[in-house]
Amino acid sequence: MFRSNQHIYAQVIDDLNSVTIASASTLDKDLTLESTGNTEAAIKVGELVAKRAVEKGVNEVVFDRGGYLYHGRVKALADAAREAGLQF
């Protein structure tokens, strides 16, 4: 997970094989967003990355918040991913 002032990015990575399984960000063409730097955008990114991971058969992940506080957009992304089917 990475966040900037304007965007948020999330990836599901297999560390053992060094492979990215699923990814989503506010830059994805699949998302239609009014603003890319708010909690609503983080929720949609969380839902999308979870959907893509579950489609590839990944249900359990470890959430790496990348040093960011578990608050605001980070928490919104994590909660949305949980509700969409990821377990962590």
Foldseek 3Di string as FASTA:
>chain_A
DDDDQFKDKDWAADVVVGDTQFIFMLPDPVDDDPGHRFQVNLLVRLLRRLVSNVVVPAAEGDDDLPPDDCDGSNVSSVVSNVVNGHDD
